[in-house]
Amino acid sequence: MGIEDNRMKVDIGGGLTLKNPVMTASGTFGYGSEFAGFIDLERLGAIVVKGVSLKPRPGNPPPRIVETSCGMLNAIGLENVGVEKFISQKMTFLRKIGTHVIVNILGDSIEEYAELAEKLSDVEGLSALEVNISCPNVKRGGVAFGTDPVMVQQVTEAVKAKTSLPVIIKLSPNVTDITATARAAEEGGADTISLINTLMGIAIDHKTRRPKLANIIGGLSGPAIKPVALRMVWQVANTVKIPIIGIGGIMNSEDALEFLVAGATAVQVGTANLVDPDATVKIIEGMVEFVEESGCQSIQEIIGSLKTD
């Protein structure tokens, strides 16, 4: 699978080993083919495709993206082709790439998550499922699954029961205690936890006195959220025993290495892809250079090495 360097390999749980710790973040890399003309996709540790639901979703009306200080707000609305077209159309390209492919799934009920997991479990070329639990639960009046530890555990158990693939639970940061939802995911049988998803925000045009997003509220990503993401990754790393994938404002290799020091085994790169399509490859090269210059035998020596005393 692409360029191999044993010093950079990481095990992210569920028996899944990546050639390096750098993955793409769901929703920022399309279905992979969109970036094929910019980078060698085989160099990536894994490609995480945009969220897939049971039925196609048109997403929210525009404007759906707005730039903010040190970041951006998005309210795409989980637009996607639906699971059937994903399997029949998008996987035709993805399974030819020499790296792991992880599909992000989303649902409006526990039953939908379970059905998606079952449909995708035996699809050739898929390496794992990432479960987006930052979705509203329509049966509970629009409450997001990721804010309730009980529902986090229930969704995790339902997905695990329907698939043999490794299951990654993507946590929402919009909670009082991130460790409570992390523990719930672990107790539900998650193989891995990824965090953080976007923080909720709003942008206003003071001249028109109107919101800049048609949806009013959007998800904040980019460098602005990195300190929050690092804090939450460190807290979760000190709470659970399963591997962690760090996400949030990673723009360069230094950012990525900070997440590993905080306790993440791997990272996902999101907003940086929209600024520089080559960002992920540059981050990989920077991490390799650090390992070589620091005298480490492997990237493993850096993971969870934060000194707090």
Protein backbone atom coordinates (compact mmCIF):
# COMPACT_ATOMS: atom_id res chain seq x y z
CA MET A 1 0.00 0.00 0.00
CA GLY A 2 1.98 2.99 -1.25
CA ILE A 3 5.20 4.17 0.38
CA GLU A 4 6.06 2.05 3.41
CA ASP A 5 8.21 3.24 6.33
CA ASN A 6 8.07 0.93 9.32
CA ARG A 7 9.03 3.79 11.63
CA MET A 8 5.75 5.55 10.84
CA LYS A 9 3.29 2.67 11.21
CA VAL A 10 0.56 2.96 13.86
CA ASP A 11 -2.18 0.62 15.11
CA ILE A 12 -5.44 2.51 15.50
CA GLY A 13 -7.42 -0.38 16.98
CA GLY A 14 -9.55 -3.22 15.76
CA GLY A 15 -6.52 -4.79 14.07
CA LEU A 16 -6.14 -1.84 11.68
CA THR A 17 -2.55 -0.72 11.06
CA LEU A 18 -1.84 2.45 9.06
CA LYS A 19 1.39 3.07 7.10
CA ASN A 20 1.56 6.48 8.81
CA PRO A 21 -0.60 8.45 11.27
CA VAL A 22 -2.04 10.95 8.78
CA MET A 23 -5.65 10.58 7.68
CA THR A 24 -8.10 12.93 6.00
CA ALA A 25 -11.06 14.27 7.95
CA SER A 26 -14.56 13.45 6.80
CA GLY A 27 -16.27 16.21 4.85
CA THR A 28 -13.06 17.93 3.77
CA PHE A 29 -11.76 15.43 1.21
CA GLY A 30 -14.90 14.49 -0.70
CA TYR A 31 -14.81 10.87 -1.84
CA GLY A 32 -11.07 10.93 -2.50
CA SER A 33 -11.23 11.27 -6.28
CA GLU A 34 -11.53 15.05 -5.96
CA PHE A 35 -7.92 15.20 -4.73
CA ALA A 36 -6.43 12.58 -7.06
CA GLY A 37 -5.04 15.27 -9.36
CA PHE A 38 -3.27 17.07 -6.51
CA ILE A 39 -1.56 14.38 -4.41
CA ASP A 40 -0.56 10.74 -4.48
CA LEU A 41 -3.43 9.28 -2.46
CA GLU A 42 -1.43 6.14 -1.69
CA ARG A 43 0.85 8.16 0.56
CA LEU A 44 -1.96 8.74 3.06
CA GLY A 45 -2.39 6.61 6.14
CA ALA A 46 -6.11 6.48 5.37
CA ILE A 47 -8.82 8.33 3.51
CA VAL A 48 -11.96 9.10 5.49
CA VAL A 49 -14.73 9.93 3.03
CA LYS A 50 -17.52 12.43 3.63
CA GLY A 51 -20.47 11.25 5.68
CA VAL A 52 -22.82 8.71 4.10
CA SER A 53 -26.50 8.29 5.02
CA LEU A 54 -29.12 5.71 4.03
CA LYS A 55 -30.76 8.06 1.54
CA PRO A 56 -29.18 10.90 -0.47
CA ARG A 57 -29.20 14.30 1.23
CA PRO A 58 -29.21 17.65 -0.62
CA GLY A 59 -27.69 19.56 2.27
CA ASN A 60 -28.47 23.10 3.38
CA PRO A 61 -29.11 26.08 1.09
CA PRO A 62 -26.19 28.46 0.41
CA PRO A 63 -24.27 30.28 1.66
CA ARG A 64 -22.88 27.24 3.49
CA ILE A 65 -19.29 28.29 4.23
CA VAL A 66 -17.88 31.48 5.71
CA GLU A 67 -14.31 32.35 6.69
CA THR A 68 -13.73 33.42 10.30
CA SER A 69 -10.73 34.52 12.36
CA CYS A 70 -8.22 31.65 12.17
CA GLY A 71 -10.83 29.26 10.81
CA MET A 72 -14.11 28.74 9.04
CA LEU A 73 -17.75 27.97 9.69
CA ASN A 74 -19.56 25.40 7.60
CA ALA A 75 -23.20 24.40 7.41
CA ILE A 76 -23.06 21.98 4.49
CA GLY A 77 -25.87 19.94 5.98
CA LEU A 78 -24.29 16.51 5.46
CA GLU A 79 -24.93 16.51 1.70
CA ASN A 80 -24.12 13.11 0.23
CA VAL A 81 -25.09 10.60 -2.47
CA GLY A 82 -26.55 7.99 -0.11
CA VAL A 83 -25.21 4.56 0.73
CA GLU A 84 -26.36 2.74 -2.42
CA LYS A 85 -24.66 5.16 -4.82
CA PHE A 86 -21.63 5.31 -2.54
CA ILE A 87 -21.19 1.55 -2.82
CA SER A 88 -21.96 1.30 -6.55
CA GLN A 89 -20.22 4.47 -7.76
CA LYS A 90 -17.70 5.91 -5.29
CA MET A 91 -16.19 2.62 -4.11
CA THR A 92 -15.26 1.73 -7.70
CA PHE A 93 -12.54 4.38 -7.50
CA LEU A 94 -11.72 4.09 -3.82
CA ARG A 95 -10.99 0.36 -3.78
CA LYS A 96 -8.26 0.89 -6.38
CA ILE A 97 -6.24 3.17 -4.10
CA GLY A 98 -3.37 1.56 -2.24
CA THR A 99 -4.37 2.84 1.18
CA HIS A 100 -7.08 2.27 3.78
CA VAL A 101 -10.56 3.65 3.09
CA ILE A 102 -12.79 4.54 6.03
CA VAL A 103 -16.41 5.54 5.56
CA ASN A 104 -18.09 8.01 7.89
CA ILE A 105 -21.73 7.14 8.58
CA LEU A 106 -24.61 9.22 9.90
CA GLY A 107 -28.21 8.54 10.82
CA ASP A 108 -31.34 9.99 12.37
CA SER A 109 -31.99 6.95 14.56
CA ILE A 110 -30.13 4.05 16.12
CA GLU A 111 -31.84 1.76 13.61
CA GLU A 112 -30.43 3.78 10.70
CA TYR A 113 -26.90 3.56 12.07
CA ALA A 114 -27.28 -0.20 12.45
CA GLU A 115 -28.66 -0.59 8.93
CA LEU A 116 -25.82 1.43 7.44
CA ALA A 117 -23.26 -0.65 9.31
CA GLU A 118 -24.83 -3.85 7.99
CA LYS A 119 -24.92 -2.61 4.39
CA LEU A 120 -21.28 -1.52 4.48
CA SER A 121 -19.82 -4.36 6.53
CA ASP A 122 -18.92 -6.62 3.61
CA VAL A 123 -18.12 -3.98 0.98
CA GLU A 124 -14.82 -4.78 -0.69
CA GLY A 125 -12.16 -2.14 -0.08
CA LEU A 126 -13.50 -0.71 3.18
CA SER A 127 -11.22 -0.87 6.22
CA ALA A 128 -13.36 0.67 8.98
CA LEU A 129 -16.46 2.65 9.85
CA GLU A 130 -16.33 6.07 11.51
CA VAL A 131 -19.60 6.89 13.24
CA ASN A 132 -20.66 10.54 13.26
CA ILE A 133 -22.74 10.88 16.41
CA SER A 134 -23.09 14.65 16.11
CA CYS A 135 -26.40 14.16 14.30
CA PRO A 136 -29.86 15.01 15.62
CA ASN A 137 -31.90 12.11 16.91
CA VAL A 138 -35.34 12.74 15.43
CA LYS A 139 -36.99 10.24 17.77
CA ARG A 140 -35.78 12.29 20.73
CA GLY A 141 -36.79 15.72 19.52
CA GLY A 142 -33.61 16.68 17.71
CA VAL A 143 -31.11 15.89 20.47
CA ALA A 144 -27.66 15.07 19.07
CA PHE A 145 -26.56 11.52 19.86
CA GLY A 146 -23.10 12.72 20.80
CA THR A 147 -24.25 14.85 23.71
CA ASP A 148 -25.84 12.00 25.67
CA PRO A 149 -23.53 9.26 27.01
CA VAL A 150 -26.40 6.78 27.14
CA MET A 151 -27.17 7.27 23.45
CA VAL A 152 -23.45 7.20 22.58
CA GLN A 153 -23.21 3.75 24.11
CA GLN A 154 -26.43 2.57 22.45
CA VAL A 155 -25.36 3.70 18.98
CA THR A 156 -21.92 2.13 19.43
CA GLU A 157 -23.41 -1.19 20.52
CA ALA A 158 -25.89 -1.18 17.63
CA VAL A 159 -23.18 -0.54 15.03
CA LYS A 160 -20.79 -3.10 16.53
CA ALA A 161 -23.53 -5.73 16.43
CA LYS A 162 -23.95 -5.32 12.67
CA THR A 163 -20.38 -5.16 11.39
CA SER A 164 -17.10 -7.01 11.58
CA LEU A 165 -15.19 -3.87 10.57
CA PRO A 166 -13.34 -1.76 13.16
CA VAL A 167 -15.62 0.94 14.56
CA ILE A 168 -14.42 4.49 15.22
CA ILE A 169 -16.74 6.74 17.22
CA LYS A 170 -16.36 10.45 16.36
CA LEU A 171 -17.12 12.55 19.42
CA SER A 172 -18.82 15.93 19.56
CA PRO A 173 -16.99 18.65 21.53
CA ASN A 174 -20.27 20.40 22.28
CA VAL A 175 -20.63 18.73 25.67
CA THR A 176 -19.90 19.58 29.29
CA ASP A 177 -17.64 16.57 29.89
CA ILE A 178 -15.92 14.93 26.91
CA THR A 179 -14.64 12.08 29.08
CA ALA A 180 -18.19 10.92 29.83
CA THR A 181 -19.03 10.36 26.16
CA ALA A 182 -15.58 8.83 25.56
CA ARG A 183 -16.16 6.28 28.32
CA ALA A 184 -19.60 5.53 26.90
CA ALA A 185 -18.11 4.80 23.47
CA GLU A 186 -15.48 2.53 24.98
CA GLU A 187 -18.07 0.69 27.06
CA GLY A 188 -20.20 0.28 23.94
CA GLY A 189 -17.37 -1.61 22.27
CA ALA A 190 -15.73 1.08 20.13
CA ASP A 191 -12.35 0.10 18.73
CA THR A 192 -11.21 3.70 18.41
CA ILE A 193 -12.33 7.23 19.27
CA SER A 194 -11.85 10.23 17.00
CA LEU A 195 -12.17 13.81 18.26
CA ILE A 196 -13.05 16.55 17.97
CA ASN A 197 -15.85 17.32 15.56
CA THR A 198 -16.59 21.01 14.93
CA LEU A 199 -17.59 23.49 17.62
CA MET A 200 -20.89 25.29 17.05
CA GLY A 201 -20.71 28.94 16.04
CA ILE A 202 -22.37 31.78 14.21
CA ALA A 203 -21.10 34.63 11.99
CA ILE A 204 -22.97 37.93 11.61
CA ASP A 205 -22.84 40.69 9.00
CA HIS A 206 -23.25 43.83 11.10
CA LYS A 207 -24.16 45.93 8.06
CA THR A 208 -27.12 43.83 6.99
CA ARG A 209 -27.74 42.59 10.52
CA ARG A 210 -28.14 39.11 9.15
CA PRO A 211 -26.30 35.82 9.72
CA LYS A 212 -23.65 35.01 7.11
CA LEU A 213 -24.80 31.39 6.88
CA ALA A 214 -28.23 30.52 5.54
CA ASN A 215 -28.48 27.91 8.28
CA ILE A 216 -27.49 30.60 10.86
CA ILE A 217 -25.45 28.12 12.93
CA GLY A 218 -22.41 26.30 11.57
CA GLY A 219 -19.48 24.15 12.64
CA LEU A 220 -16.26 25.97 13.51
CA SER A 221 -13.01 24.36 12.34
CA GLY A 222 -9.43 25.37 11.60
CA PRO A 223 -6.56 26.67 13.78
CA ALA A 224 -8.95 28.52 16.09
CA ILE A 225 -10.14 25.26 17.66
CA LYS A 226 -6.76 23.52 18.06
CA PRO A 227 -6.20 24.39 21.75
CA VAL A 228 -9.66 23.04 22.61
CA ALA A 229 -9.08 19.91 20.55
CA LEU A 230 -5.68 19.27 22.16
CA ARG A 231 -7.18 19.65 25.62
CA MET A 232 -9.96 17.20 24.88
CA VAL A 233 -7.62 14.66 23.26
CA TRP A 234 -5.37 14.79 26.32
CA GLN A 235 -8.34 14.36 28.67
CA VAL A 236 -9.71 11.39 26.71
CA ALA A 237 -6.26 9.80 26.42
CA ASN A 238 -6.12 9.81 30.20
CA THR A 239 -9.61 8.29 30.45
CA VAL A 240 -9.88 5.42 27.95
CA LYS A 241 -7.61 2.57 26.94
CA ILE A 242 -8.53 2.37 23.26
CA PRO A 243 -6.62 4.36 20.59
CA ILE A 244 -7.50 7.97 19.80
CA ILE A 245 -7.47 9.89 16.53
CA GLY A 246 -6.90 13.61 17.03
CA ILE A 247 -8.72 16.21 14.93
CA GLY A 248 -8.91 19.99 15.06
CA GLY A 249 -6.91 22.76 13.42
CA ILE A 250 -4.02 20.64 12.17
CA MET A 251 -2.31 22.73 9.48
CA ASN A 252 1.26 21.40 9.54
CA SER A 253 3.44 18.62 10.93
CA GLU A 254 4.10 20.51 14.17
CA ASP A 255 0.37 20.62 14.86
CA ALA A 256 0.06 16.91 14.12
CA LEU A 257 2.95 16.02 16.41
CA GLU A 258 1.37 18.01 19.25
CA PHE A 259 -1.70 15.78 19.03
CA LEU A 260 0.46 12.67 19.21
CA VAL A 261 2.29 14.01 22.25
CA ALA A 262 -1.12 14.69 23.85
CA GLY A 263 -2.03 11.02 23.41
CA ALA A 264 -3.44 10.54 19.92
CA THR A 265 -2.22 7.57 17.90
CA ALA A 266 -3.15 9.18 14.58
CA VAL A 267 -4.58 12.44 13.29
CA GLN A 268 -7.10 13.62 10.74
CA VAL A 269 -6.46 16.70 8.62
CA GLY A 270 -9.53 18.72 7.67
CA THR A 271 -9.68 22.45 6.97
CA ALA A 272 -6.04 22.48 5.81
CA ASN A 273 -7.10 20.48 2.74
CA LEU A 274 -9.28 23.39 1.64
CA VAL A 275 -6.36 25.82 1.95
CA ASP A 276 -3.66 23.58 0.47
CA PRO A 277 -4.64 20.35 -1.33
CA ASP A 278 -1.10 19.07 -0.68
CA ALA A 279 -1.31 19.65 3.09
CA THR A 280 -1.57 16.00 4.12
CA VAL A 281 1.54 14.95 2.19
CA LYS A 282 3.51 17.89 3.59
CA ILE A 283 2.46 16.87 7.10
CA ILE A 284 3.59 13.29 6.52
CA GLU A 285 6.97 14.48 5.21
CA GLY A 286 7.39 16.82 8.18
CA MET A 287 6.65 14.03 10.64
CA VAL A 288 9.17 11.72 8.97
CA GLU A 289 11.76 14.48 9.12
CA PHE A 290 11.09 14.98 12.83
CA VAL A 291 11.54 11.28 13.57
CA GLU A 292 14.83 11.26 11.71
CA GLU A 293 16.19 14.43 13.32
CA SER A 294 15.03 13.59 16.86
CA GLY A 295 16.73 10.20 16.85
CA CYS A 296 13.48 8.33 17.59
CA GLN A 297 13.31 4.73 16.48
CA SER A 298 9.69 5.22 15.46
CA ILE A 299 6.74 7.58 15.73
CA GLN A 300 5.47 5.37 18.56
CA GLU A 301 7.95 7.01 20.96
CA ILE A 302 6.13 10.33 20.62
CA ILE A 303 2.59 9.10 21.31
CA GLY A 304 1.39 10.10 24.79
CA SER A 305 4.76 11.58 25.77
CA LEU A 306 3.42 14.82 27.28
CA LYS A 307 5.26 15.75 30.50
CA THR A 308 3.03 17.42 33.06
CA ASP A 309 5.13 17.18 36.22
